[in-house]
Amino acid sequence: MRKLLTVFLSLAALLLMASVAMAAEVAEAANVISDSSSWAKYIGAAIGMGLAALGCGPGIGIGLKGACEATARNPEIANKIMVTMLLGFAFVESLAIYSLVINMILLFVI
């Protein structure tokens, strides 16, 4: 419960500080972006990247935990486990990179 409260309070502080830090740019952005479809694109890109990171982070953590446990049980095959672990990390991280590419296309091309 305490970790959950800490995460939510940290998220709230981050969101409040971001609005203060970018207050000067809001007036300029209001002149450049006036229609609601442009705002939807930015919100969609932020949500998409957040969900991609939310899925990839725990996936990499669980994979690392399994690799450490396997190495502790059988140290002789540590090299094979490390190669498999790095290959799995590359596949999991590629999902976040694909999401980043799609978000960049949404933001700058469309």
PDB file of N, CA and C in Angstrom:
ATOM      1  N   MET A   1       0.823  -1.192   0.000  1.00  0.00           N
ATOM      2  CA  MET A   1       0.000   0.000   0.000  1.00  0.00           C
ATOM      3  C   MET A   1       0.872   1.262   0.000  1.00  0.00           C
ATOM      4  N   ARG A   2       1.963   1.190   0.746  1.00  0.00           N
ATOM      5  CA  ARG A   2       2.833   2.362   0.829  1.00  0.00           C
ATOM      6  C   ARG A   2       3.518   2.647  -0.509  1.00  0.00           C
ATOM      7  N   LYS A   3       3.925   1.572  -1.217  1.00  0.00           N
ATOM      8  CA  LYS A   3       4.560   1.765  -2.527  1.00  0.00           C
ATOM      9  C   LYS A   3       3.563   2.368  -3.515  1.00  0.00           C
ATOM     10  N   LEU A   4       2.336   1.897  -3.472  1.00  0.00           N
ATOM     11  CA  LEU A   4       1.313   2.421  -4.372  1.00  0.00           C
ATOM     12  C   LEU A   4       1.061   3.895  -4.100  1.00  0.00           C
ATOM     13  N   LEU A   5       0.999   4.277  -2.841  1.00  0.00           N
ATOM     14  CA  LEU A   5       0.810   5.676  -2.480  1.00  0.00           C
ATOM     15  C   LEU A   5       1.993   6.520  -2.946  1.00  0.00           C
ATOM     16  N   THR A   6       3.204   5.990  -2.790  1.00  0.00           N
ATOM     17  CA  THR A   6       4.397   6.708  -3.234  1.00  0.00           C
ATOM     18  C   THR A   6       4.391   6.903  -4.752  1.00  0.00           C
ATOM     19  N   VAL A   7       3.976   5.886  -5.484  1.00  0.00           N
ATOM     20  CA  VAL A   7       3.920   5.992  -6.947  1.00  0.00           C
ATOM     21  C   VAL A   7       2.905   7.052  -7.356  1.00  0.00           C
ATOM     22  N   PHE A   8       1.731   7.029  -6.764  1.00  0.00           N
ATOM     23  CA  PHE A   8       0.709   8.007  -7.126  1.00  0.00           C
ATOM     24  C   PHE A   8       1.110   9.426  -6.750  1.00  0.00           C
ATOM     25  N   LEU A   9       1.732   9.615  -5.599  1.00  0.00           N
ATOM     26  CA  LEU A   9       2.169  10.946  -5.206  1.00  0.00           C
ATOM     27  C   LEU A   9       3.306  11.442  -6.104  1.00  0.00           C
ATOM     28  N   SER A  10       4.197  10.550  -6.498  1.00  0.00           N
ATOM     29  CA  SER A  10       5.270  10.935  -7.406  1.00  0.00           C
ATOM     30  C   SER A  10       4.718  11.321  -8.776  1.00  0.00           C
ATOM     31  N   LEU A  11       3.730  10.566  -9.245  1.00  0.00           N
ATOM     32  CA  LEU A  11       3.102  10.882 -10.521  1.00  0.00           C
ATOM     33  C   LEU A  11       2.391  12.227 -10.457  1.00  0.00           C
ATOM     34  N   ALA A  12       1.688  12.491  -9.361  1.00  0.00           N
ATOM     35  CA  ALA A  12       1.000  13.773  -9.216  1.00  0.00           C
ATOM     36  C   ALA A  12       2.001  14.930  -9.181  1.00  0.00           C
ATOM     37  N   ALA A  13       3.106  14.761  -8.455  1.00  0.00           N
ATOM     38  CA  ALA A  13       4.121  15.808  -8.394  1.00  0.00           C
ATOM     39  C   ALA A  13       4.745  16.045  -9.763  1.00  0.00           C
ATOM     40  N   LEU A  14       4.988  14.971 -10.503  1.00  0.00           N
ATOM     41  CA  LEU A  14       5.558  15.098 -11.838  1.00  0.00           C
ATOM     42  C   LEU A  14       4.612  15.861 -12.762  1.00  0.00           C
ATOM     43  N   LEU A  15       3.340  15.534 -12.718  1.00  0.00           N
ATOM     44  CA  LEU A  15       2.378  16.217 -13.575  1.00  0.00           C
ATOM     45  C   LEU A  15       2.235  17.687 -13.200  1.00  0.00           C
ATOM     46  N   LEU A  16       2.255  17.993 -11.916  1.00  0.00           N
ATOM     47  CA  LEU A  16       2.146  19.388 -11.491  1.00  0.00           C
ATOM     48  C   LEU A  16       3.381  20.193 -11.888  1.00  0.00           C
ATOM     49  N   MET A  17       4.555  19.602 -11.744  1.00  0.00           N
ATOM     50  CA  MET A  17       5.774  20.311 -12.104  1.00  0.00           C
ATOM     51  C   MET A  17       5.882  20.515 -13.610  1.00  0.00           C
ATOM     52  N   ALA A  18       5.411  19.557 -14.392  1.00  0.00           N
ATOM     53  CA  ALA A  18       5.464  19.703 -15.845  1.00  0.00           C
ATOM     54  C   ALA A  18       4.592  20.852 -16.310  1.00  0.00           C
ATOM     55  N   SER A  19       3.437  21.025 -15.694  1.00  0.00           N
ATOM     56  CA  SER A  19       2.568  22.129 -16.112  1.00  0.00           C
ATOM     57  C   SER A  19       3.184  23.478 -15.759  1.00  0.00           C
ATOM     58  N   VAL A  20       3.883  23.565 -14.637  1.00  0.00           N
ATOM     59  CA  VAL A  20       4.540  24.813 -14.267  1.00  0.00           C
ATOM     60  C   VAL A  20       5.724  25.089 -15.187  1.00  0.00           C
ATOM     61  N   ALA A  21       6.479  24.053 -15.513  1.00  0.00           N
ATOM     62  CA  ALA A  21       7.664  24.231 -16.351  1.00  0.00           C
ATOM     63  C   ALA A  21       7.300  24.630 -17.772  1.00  0.00           C
ATOM     64  N   MET A  22       6.158  24.188 -18.240  1.00  0.00           N
ATOM     65  CA  MET A  22       5.771  24.475 -19.618  1.00  0.00           C
ATOM     66  C   MET A  22       4.701  25.559 -19.714  1.00  0.00           C
ATOM     67  N   ALA A  23       4.513  26.345 -18.680  1.00  0.00           N
ATOM     68  CA  ALA A  23       3.466  27.359 -18.682  1.00  0.00           C
ATOM     69  C   ALA A  23       3.714  28.431 -19.732  1.00  0.00           C
ATOM     70  N   ALA A  24       4.961  28.762 -19.972  1.00  0.00           N
ATOM     71  CA  ALA A  24       5.270  29.803 -20.950  1.00  0.00           C
ATOM     72  C   ALA A  24       4.975  29.339 -22.367  1.00  0.00           C
ATOM     73  N   GLU A  25       5.068  28.046 -22.614  1.00  0.00           N
ATOM     74  CA  GLU A  25       4.859  27.540 -23.956  1.00  0.00           C
ATOM     75  C   GLU A  25       3.389  27.339 -24.276  1.00  0.00           C
ATOM     76  N   VAL A  26       2.516  27.401 -23.291  1.00  0.00           N
ATOM     77  CA  VAL A  26       1.101  27.146 -23.527  1.00  0.00           C
ATOM     78  C   VAL A  26       0.501  28.219 -24.423  1.00  0.00           C
ATOM     79  N   ALA A  27       0.864  29.478 -24.212  1.00  0.00           N
ATOM     80  CA  ALA A  27       0.317  30.553 -25.029  1.00  0.00           C
ATOM     81  C   ALA A  27       0.744  30.400 -26.489  1.00  0.00           C
ATOM     82  N   GLU A  28       1.991  30.022 -26.723  1.00  0.00           N
ATOM     83  CA  GLU A  28       2.458  29.819 -28.081  1.00  0.00           C
ATOM     84  C   GLU A  28       1.775  28.607 -28.710  1.00  0.00           C
ATOM     85  N   ALA A  29       1.605  27.549 -27.936  1.00  0.00           N
ATOM     86  CA  ALA A  29       0.977  26.344 -28.460  1.00  0.00           C
ATOM     87  C   ALA A  29      -0.492  26.583 -28.773  1.00  0.00           C
ATOM     88  N   ALA A  30      -1.142  27.447 -28.010  1.00  0.00           N
ATOM     89  CA  ALA A  30      -2.548  27.740 -28.273  1.00  0.00           C
ATOM     90  C   ALA A  30      -2.724  28.441 -29.615  1.00  0.00           C
ATOM     91  N   ASN A  31      -1.765  29.246 -30.002  1.00  0.00           N
ATOM     92  CA  ASN A  31      -1.845  29.918 -31.298  1.00  0.00           C
ATOM     93  C   ASN A  31      -1.571  28.961 -32.455  1.00  0.00           C
ATOM     94  N   VAL A  32      -0.662  28.016 -32.232  1.00  0.00           N
ATOM     95  CA  VAL A  32      -0.289  27.099 -33.297  1.00  0.00           C
ATOM     96  C   VAL A  32      -1.333  25.998 -33.471  1.00  0.00           C
ATOM     97  N   ILE A  33      -1.794  25.462 -32.346  1.00  0.00           N
ATOM     98  CA  ILE A  33      -2.722  24.336 -32.395  1.00  0.00           C
ATOM     99  C   ILE A  33      -4.077  24.814 -31.884  1.00  0.00           C
ATOM    100  N   SER A  34      -5.035  24.892 -32.770  1.00  0.00           N
ATOM    101  CA  SER A  34      -6.324  25.417 -32.351  1.00  0.00           C
ATOM    102  C   SER A  34      -7.440  24.393 -32.414  1.00  0.00           C
ATOM    103  N   ASP A  35      -7.346  23.407 -33.291  1.00  0.00           N
ATOM    104  CA  ASP A  35      -8.452  22.458 -33.405  1.00  0.00           C
ATOM    105  C   ASP A  35      -8.258  21.272 -32.464  1.00  0.00           C
ATOM    106  N   SER A  36      -9.350  20.604 -32.143  1.00  0.00           N
ATOM    107  CA  SER A  36      -9.306  19.530 -31.155  1.00  0.00           C
ATOM    108  C   SER A  36      -8.679  18.260 -31.708  1.00  0.00           C
ATOM    109  N   SER A  37      -8.662  18.060 -33.001  1.00  0.00           N
ATOM    110  CA  SER A  37      -8.064  16.850 -33.552  1.00  0.00           C
ATOM    111  C   SER A  37      -6.548  16.825 -33.341  1.00  0.00           C
ATOM    112  N   SER A  38      -5.917  17.979 -33.346  1.00  0.00           N
ATOM    113  CA  SER A  38      -4.480  18.019 -33.086  1.00  0.00           C
ATOM    114  C   SER A  38      -4.168  17.638 -31.648  1.00  0.00           C
ATOM    115  N   TRP A  39      -5.015  18.075 -30.728  1.00  0.00           N
ATOM    116  CA  TRP A  39      -4.797  17.711 -29.325  1.00  0.00           C
ATOM    117  C   TRP A  39      -5.001  16.222 -29.117  1.00  0.00           C
ATOM    118  N   ALA A  40      -5.956  15.636 -29.818  1.00  0.00           N
ATOM    119  CA  ALA A  40      -6.198  14.197 -29.686  1.00  0.00           C
ATOM    120  C   ALA A  40      -4.985  13.395 -30.130  1.00  0.00           C
ATOM    121  N   LYS A  41      -4.287  13.890 -31.123  1.00  0.00           N
ATOM    122  CA  LYS A  41      -3.089  13.215 -31.614  1.00  0.00           C
ATOM    123  C   LYS A  41      -2.000  13.192 -30.536  1.00  0.00           C
ATOM    124  N   TYR A  42      -1.825  14.300 -29.839  1.00  0.00           N
ATOM    125  CA  TYR A  42      -0.810  14.361 -28.776  1.00  0.00           C
ATOM    126  C   TYR A  42      -1.192  13.487 -27.584  1.00  0.00           C
ATOM    127  N   ILE A  43      -2.440  13.515 -27.229  1.00  0.00           N
ATOM    128  CA  ILE A  43      -2.893  12.685 -26.103  1.00  0.00           C
ATOM    129  C   ILE A  43      -2.789  11.205 -26.459  1.00  0.00           C
ATOM    130  N   GLY A  44      -3.161  10.857 -27.687  1.00  0.00           N
ATOM    131  CA  GLY A  44      -3.053   9.466 -28.119  1.00  0.00           C
ATOM    132  C   GLY A  44      -1.619   8.971 -28.145  1.00  0.00           C
ATOM    133  N   ALA A  45      -0.712   9.818 -28.599  1.00  0.00           N
ATOM    134  CA  ALA A  45       0.699   9.429 -28.627  1.00  0.00           C
ATOM    135  C   ALA A  45       1.243   9.239 -27.211  1.00  0.00           C
ATOM    136  N   ALA A  46       0.848  10.116 -26.304  1.00  0.00           N
ATOM    137  CA  ALA A  46       1.320   9.986 -24.912  1.00  0.00           C
ATOM    138  C   ALA A  46       0.780   8.721 -24.264  1.00  0.00           C
ATOM    139  N   ILE A  47      -0.487   8.442 -24.475  1.00  0.00           N
ATOM    140  CA  ILE A  47      -1.080   7.232 -23.887  1.00  0.00           C
ATOM    141  C   ILE A  47      -0.464   5.979 -24.515  1.00  0.00           C
ATOM    142  N   GLY A  48      -0.271   5.993 -25.828  1.00  0.00           N
ATOM    143  CA  GLY A  48       0.317   4.838 -26.502  1.00  0.00           C
ATOM    144  C   GLY A  48       1.722   4.534 -26.030  1.00  0.00           C
ATOM    145  N   MET A  49       2.548   5.554 -25.887  1.00  0.00           N
ATOM    146  CA  MET A  49       3.910   5.320 -25.429  1.00  0.00           C
ATOM    147  C   MET A  49       3.932   4.890 -23.969  1.00  0.00           C
ATOM    148  N   GLY A  50       3.029   5.466 -23.172  1.00  0.00           N
ATOM    149  CA  GLY A  50       2.949   5.062 -21.766  1.00  0.00           C
ATOM    150  C   GLY A  50       2.552   3.607 -21.613  1.00  0.00           C
ATOM    151  N   LEU A  51       1.591   3.154 -22.398  1.00  0.00           N
ATOM    152  CA  LEU A  51       1.172   1.754 -22.319  1.00  0.00           C
ATOM    153  C   LEU A  51       2.273   0.823 -22.817  1.00  0.00           C
ATOM    154  N   ALA A  52       3.002   1.233 -23.831  1.00  0.00           N
ATOM    155  CA  ALA A  52       4.106   0.407 -24.327  1.00  0.00           C
ATOM    156  C   ALA A  52       5.185   0.262 -23.258  1.00  0.00           C
ATOM    157  N   ALA A  53       5.520   1.358 -22.600  1.00  0.00           N
ATOM    158  CA  ALA A  53       6.528   1.299 -21.535  1.00  0.00           C
ATOM    159  C   ALA A  53       6.016   0.517 -20.337  1.00  0.00           C
ATOM    160  N   LEU A  54       4.726   0.640 -20.071  1.00  0.00           N
ATOM    161  CA  LEU A  54       4.123  -0.082 -18.944  1.00  0.00           C
ATOM    162  C   LEU A  54       4.167  -1.585 -19.182  1.00  0.00           C
ATOM    163  N   GLY A  55       4.067  -2.001 -20.428  1.00  0.00           N
ATOM    164  CA  GLY A  55       4.132  -3.424 -20.726  1.00  0.00           C
ATOM    165  C   GLY A  55       5.552  -3.958 -20.813  1.00  0.00           C
ATOM    166  N   CYS A  56       6.466  -3.169 -21.355  1.00  0.00           N
ATOM    167  CA  CYS A  56       7.837  -3.643 -21.564  1.00  0.00           C
ATOM    168  C   CYS A  56       8.663  -3.662 -20.280  1.00  0.00           C
ATOM    169  N   GLY A  57       8.437  -2.693 -19.408  1.00  0.00           N
ATOM    170  CA  GLY A  57       9.220  -2.624 -18.172  1.00  0.00           C
ATOM    171  C   GLY A  57       9.082  -3.860 -17.306  1.00  0.00           C
ATOM    172  N   PRO A  58       7.869  -4.242 -16.927  1.00  0.00           N
ATOM    173  CA  PRO A  58       7.723  -5.469 -16.129  1.00  0.00           C
ATOM    174  C   PRO A  58       8.159  -6.722 -16.885  1.00  0.00           C
ATOM    175  N   GLY A  59       7.989  -6.741 -18.209  1.00  0.00           N
ATOM    176  CA  GLY A  59       8.426  -7.904 -18.978  1.00  0.00           C
ATOM    177  C   GLY A  59       9.929  -8.105 -18.891  1.00  0.00           C
ATOM    178  N   ILE A  60      10.675  -7.033 -18.994  1.00  0.00           N
ATOM    179  CA  ILE A  60      12.131  -7.122 -18.881  1.00  0.00           C
ATOM    180  C   ILE A  60      12.534  -7.493 -17.460  1.00  0.00           C
ATOM    181  N   GLY A  61      11.839  -6.926 -16.481  1.00  0.00           N
ATOM    182  CA  GLY A  61      12.150  -7.252 -15.085  1.00  0.00           C
ATOM    183  C   GLY A  61      11.921  -8.720 -14.756  1.00  0.00           C
ATOM    184  N   ILE A  62      10.818  -9.275 -15.228  1.00  0.00           N
ATOM    185  CA  ILE A  62      10.516 -10.685 -14.983  1.00  0.00           C
ATOM    186  C   ILE A  62      11.530 -11.575 -15.696  1.00  0.00           C
ATOM    187  N   GLY A  63      11.916 -11.177 -16.922  1.00  0.00           N
ATOM    188  CA  GLY A  63      12.925 -11.948 -17.648  1.00  0.00           C
ATOM    189  C   GLY A  63      14.273 -11.948 -16.944  1.00  0.00           C
ATOM    190  N   LEU A  64      14.667 -10.800 -16.416  1.00  0.00           N
ATOM    191  CA  LEU A  64      15.936 -10.704 -15.690  1.00  0.00           C
ATOM    192  C   LEU A  64      15.891 -11.529 -14.407  1.00  0.00           C
ATOM    193  N   LYS A  65      14.768 -11.511 -13.729  1.00  0.00           N
ATOM    194  CA  LYS A  65      14.611 -12.314 -12.505  1.00  0.00           C
ATOM    195  C   LYS A  65      14.773 -13.797 -12.812  1.00  0.00           C
ATOM    196  N   GLY A  66      14.132 -14.245 -13.899  1.00  0.00           N
ATOM    197  CA  GLY A  66      14.242 -15.652 -14.280  1.00  0.00           C
ATOM    198  C   GLY A  66      15.658 -16.032 -14.664  1.00  0.00           C
ATOM    199  N   ALA A  67      16.345 -15.144 -15.373  1.00  0.00           N
ATOM    200  CA  ALA A  67      17.721 -15.440 -15.773  1.00  0.00           C
ATOM    201  C   ALA A  67      18.644 -15.503 -14.559  1.00  0.00           C
ATOM    202  N   CYS A  68      18.438 -14.620 -13.606  1.00  0.00           N
ATOM    203  CA  CYS A  68      19.275 -14.646 -12.393  1.00  0.00           C
ATOM    204  C   CYS A  68      19.027 -15.915 -11.588  1.00  0.00           C
ATOM    205  N   GLU A  69      17.771 -16.325 -11.485  1.00  0.00           N
ATOM    206  CA  GLU A  69      17.462 -17.557 -10.752  1.00  0.00           C
ATOM    207  C   GLU A  69      18.047 -18.780 -11.465  1.00  0.00           C
ATOM    208  N   ALA A  70      17.955 -18.803 -12.787  1.00  0.00           N
ATOM    209  CA  ALA A  70      18.502 -19.937 -13.542  1.00  0.00           C
ATOM    210  C   ALA A  70      20.018 -20.000 -13.418  1.00  0.00           C
ATOM    211  N   THR A  71      20.672 -18.851 -13.439  1.00  0.00           N
ATOM    212  CA  THR A  71      22.127 -18.821 -13.287  1.00  0.00           C
ATOM    213  C   THR A  71      22.535 -19.254 -11.881  1.00  0.00           C
ATOM    214  N   ALA A  72      21.751 -18.882 -10.893  1.00  0.00           N
ATOM    215  CA  ALA A  72      22.072 -19.277  -9.521  1.00  0.00           C
ATOM    216  C   ALA A  72      21.907 -20.783  -9.331  1.00  0.00           C
ATOM    217  N   ARG A  73      20.960 -21.377 -10.026  1.00  0.00           N
ATOM    218  CA  ARG A  73      20.738 -22.821  -9.892  1.00  0.00           C
ATOM    219  C   ARG A  73      21.758 -23.629 -10.687  1.00  0.00           C
ATOM    220  N   ASN A  74      22.170 -23.109 -11.837  1.00  0.00           N
ATOM    221  CA  ASN A  74      23.072 -23.857 -12.704  1.00  0.00           C
ATOM    222  C   ASN A  74      24.101 -22.900 -13.316  1.00  0.00           C
ATOM    223  N   PRO A  75      25.171 -22.592 -12.583  1.00  0.00           N
ATOM    224  CA  PRO A  75      26.148 -21.599 -13.065  1.00  0.00           C
ATOM    225  C   PRO A  75      26.921 -22.020 -14.319  1.00  0.00           C
ATOM    226  N   GLU A  76      26.936 -23.323 -14.635  1.00  0.00           N
ATOM    227  CA  GLU A  76      27.713 -23.771 -15.790  1.00  0.00           C
ATOM    228  C   GLU A  76      27.134 -23.276 -17.109  1.00  0.00           C
ATOM    229  N   ILE A  77      25.844 -23.043 -17.166  1.00  0.00           N
ATOM    230  CA  ILE A  77      25.234 -22.615 -18.427  1.00  0.00           C
ATOM    231  C   ILE A  77      24.897 -21.123 -18.412  1.00  0.00           C
ATOM    232  N   ALA A  78      25.636 -20.356 -17.641  1.00  0.00           N
ATOM    233  CA  ALA A  78      25.372 -18.918 -17.516  1.00  0.00           C
ATOM    234  C   ALA A  78      25.500 -18.200 -18.858  1.00  0.00           C
ATOM    235  N   ASN A  79      26.455 -18.614 -19.701  1.00  0.00           N
ATOM    236  CA  ASN A  79      26.626 -17.949 -20.999  1.00  0.00           C
ATOM    237  C   ASN A  79      25.427 -18.176 -21.912  1.00  0.00           C
ATOM    238  N   LYS A  80      24.896 -19.408 -21.931  1.00  0.00           N
ATOM    239  CA  LYS A  80      23.725 -19.698 -22.752  1.00  0.00           C
ATOM    240  C   LYS A  80      22.501 -18.931 -22.249  1.00  0.00           C
ATOM    241  N   ILE A  81      22.382 -18.850 -20.930  1.00  0.00           N
ATOM    242  CA  ILE A  81      21.248 -18.123 -20.352  1.00  0.00           C
ATOM    243  C   ILE A  81      21.347 -16.641 -20.696  1.00  0.00           C
ATOM    244  N   MET A  82      22.566 -16.088 -20.647  1.00  0.00           N
ATOM    245  CA  MET A  82      22.731 -14.670 -20.934  1.00  0.00           C
ATOM    246  C   MET A  82      22.413 -14.355 -22.395  1.00  0.00           C
ATOM    247  N   VAL A  83      22.805 -15.222 -23.302  1.00  0.00           N
ATOM    248  CA  VAL A  83      22.504 -14.996 -24.714  1.00  0.00           C
ATOM    249  C   VAL A  83      20.999 -15.035 -24.940  1.00  0.00           C
ATOM    250  N   THR A  84      20.332 -16.019 -24.360  1.00  0.00           N
ATOM    251  CA  THR A  84      18.880 -16.131 -24.498  1.00  0.00           C
ATOM    252  C   THR A  84      18.186 -14.947 -23.853  1.00  0.00           C
ATOM    253  N   MET A  85      18.679 -14.506 -22.700  1.00  0.00           N
ATOM    254  CA  MET A  85      18.088 -13.369 -22.004  1.00  0.00           C
ATOM    255  C   MET A  85      18.220 -12.095 -22.842  1.00  0.00           C
ATOM    256  N   LEU A  86      19.384 -11.848 -23.400  1.00  0.00           N
ATOM    257  CA  LEU A  86      19.581 -10.644 -24.210  1.00  0.00           C
ATOM    258  C   LEU A  86      18.732 -10.671 -25.478  1.00  0.00           C
ATOM    259  N   LEU A  87      18.568 -11.837 -26.060  1.00  0.00           N
ATOM    260  CA  LEU A  87      17.712 -11.964 -27.231  1.00  0.00           C
ATOM    261  C   LEU A  87      16.256 -11.667 -26.865  1.00  0.00           C
ATOM    262  N   GLY A  88      15.821 -12.189 -25.740  1.00  0.00           N
ATOM    263  CA  GLY A  88      14.464 -11.900 -25.264  1.00  0.00           C
ATOM    264  C   GLY A  88      14.274 -10.431 -24.948  1.00  0.00           C
ATOM    265  N   PHE A  89      15.264  -9.806 -24.336  1.00  0.00           N
ATOM    266  CA  PHE A  89      15.186  -8.368 -24.044  1.00  0.00           C
ATOM    267  C   PHE A  89      15.073  -7.550 -25.328  1.00  0.00           C
ATOM    268  N   ALA A  90      15.798  -7.968 -26.360  1.00  0.00           N
ATOM    269  CA  ALA A  90      15.725  -7.245 -27.625  1.00  0.00           C
ATOM    270  C   ALA A  90      14.323  -7.336 -28.219  1.00  0.00           C
ATOM    271  N   PHE A  91      13.696  -8.510 -28.134  1.00  0.00           N
ATOM    272  CA  PHE A  91      12.340  -8.658 -28.651  1.00  0.00           C
ATOM    273  C   PHE A  91      11.344  -7.830 -27.853  1.00  0.00           C
ATOM    274  N   VAL A  92      11.476  -7.836 -26.545  1.00  0.00           N
ATOM    275  CA  VAL A  92      10.546  -7.073 -25.708  1.00  0.00           C
ATOM    276  C   VAL A  92      10.742  -5.577 -25.932  1.00  0.00           C
ATOM    277  N   GLU A  93      11.982  -5.140 -26.005  1.00  0.00           N
ATOM    278  CA  GLU A  93      12.254  -3.713 -26.183  1.00  0.00           C
ATOM    279  C   GLU A  93      11.859  -3.234 -27.574  1.00  0.00           C
ATOM    280  N   SER A  94      11.856  -4.143 -28.546  1.00  0.00           N
ATOM    281  CA  SER A  94      11.441  -3.749 -29.894  1.00  0.00           C
ATOM    282  C   SER A  94       9.981  -3.312 -29.906  1.00  0.00           C
ATOM    283  N   LEU A  95       9.159  -3.844 -29.019  1.00  0.00           N
ATOM    284  CA  LEU A  95       7.769  -3.407 -28.946  1.00  0.00           C
ATOM    285  C   LEU A  95       7.677  -1.933 -28.551  1.00  0.00           C
ATOM    286  N   ALA A  96       8.501  -1.515 -27.610  1.00  0.00           N
ATOM    287  CA  ALA A  96       8.504  -0.102 -27.217  1.00  0.00           C
ATOM    288  C   ALA A  96       9.058   0.768 -28.339  1.00  0.00           C
ATOM    289  N   ILE A  97      10.040   0.273 -29.064  1.00  0.00           N
ATOM    290  CA  ILE A  97      10.602   1.046 -30.171  1.00  0.00           C
ATOM    291  C   ILE A  97       9.584   1.184 -31.297  1.00  0.00           C
ATOM    292  N   TYR A  98       8.825   0.119 -31.590  1.00  0.00           N
ATOM    293  CA  TYR A  98       7.766   0.208 -32.597  1.00  0.00           C
ATOM    294  C   TYR A  98       6.725   1.233 -32.178  1.00  0.00           C
ATOM    295  N   SER A  99       6.376   1.240 -30.910  1.00  0.00           N
ATOM    296  CA  SER A  99       5.409   2.220 -30.418  1.00  0.00           C
ATOM    297  C   SER A  99       5.960   3.635 -30.557  1.00  0.00           C
ATOM    298  N   LEU A 100       7.233   3.822 -30.281  1.00  0.00           N
ATOM    299  CA  LEU A 100       7.853   5.137 -30.440  1.00  0.00           C
ATOM    300  C   LEU A 100       7.824   5.592 -31.899  1.00  0.00           C
ATOM    301  N   VAL A 101       8.105   4.686 -32.820  1.00  0.00           N
ATOM    302  CA  VAL A 101       8.083   5.031 -34.243  1.00  0.00           C
ATOM    303  C   VAL A 101       6.670   5.418 -34.679  1.00  0.00           C
ATOM    304  N   ILE A 102       5.677   4.661 -34.244  1.00  0.00           N
ATOM    305  CA  ILE A 102       4.299   4.977 -34.594  1.00  0.00           C
ATOM    306  C   ILE A 102       3.890   6.317 -34.002  1.00  0.00           C
ATOM    307  N   ASN A 103       4.312   6.590 -32.778  1.00  0.00           N
ATOM    308  CA  ASN A 103       3.994   7.875 -32.160  1.00  0.00           C
ATOM    309  C   ASN A 103       4.672   9.028 -32.891  1.00  0.00           C
ATOM    310  N   MET A 104       5.891   8.846 -33.342  1.00  0.00           N
ATOM    311  CA  MET A 104       6.562   9.896 -34.111  1.00  0.00           C
ATOM    312  C   MET A 104       5.849  10.148 -35.434  1.00  0.00           C
ATOM    313  N   ILE A 105       5.374   9.067 -36.064  1.00  0.00           N
ATOM    314  CA  ILE A 105       4.606   9.238 -37.301  1.00  0.00           C
ATOM    315  C   ILE A 105       3.329  10.008 -37.011  1.00  0.00           C
ATOM    316  N   LEU A 106       2.646   9.667 -35.919  1.00  0.00           N
ATOM    317  CA  LEU A 106       1.417  10.386 -35.560  1.00  0.00           C
ATOM    318  C   LEU A 106       1.683  11.852 -35.309  1.00  0.00           C
ATOM    319  N   LEU A 107       2.767  12.152 -34.643  1.00  0.00           N
ATOM    320  CA  LEU A 107       3.034  13.526 -34.242  1.00  0.00           C
ATOM    321  C   LEU A 107       3.544  14.401 -35.383  1.00  0.00           C
ATOM    322  N   PHE A 108       4.391  13.862 -36.227  1.00  0.00           N
ATOM    323  CA  PHE A 108       5.081  14.710 -37.192  1.00  0.00           C
ATOM    324  C   PHE A 108       4.658  14.525 -38.642  1.00  0.00           C
ATOM    325  N   VAL A 109       4.033  13.418 -38.995  1.00  0.00           N
ATOM    326  CA  VAL A 109       3.670  13.191 -40.388  1.00  0.00           C
ATOM    327  C   VAL A 109       2.179  13.439 -40.625  1.00  0.00           C
ATOM    328  N   ILE A 110       1.368  12.911 -39.737  1.00  0.00           N
ATOM    329  CA  ILE A 110      -0.088  13.016 -39.922  1.00  0.00           C
ATOM    330  C   ILE A 110      -0.579  14.337 -39.372  1.00  0.00           C
TER     331      ILE A 110
END
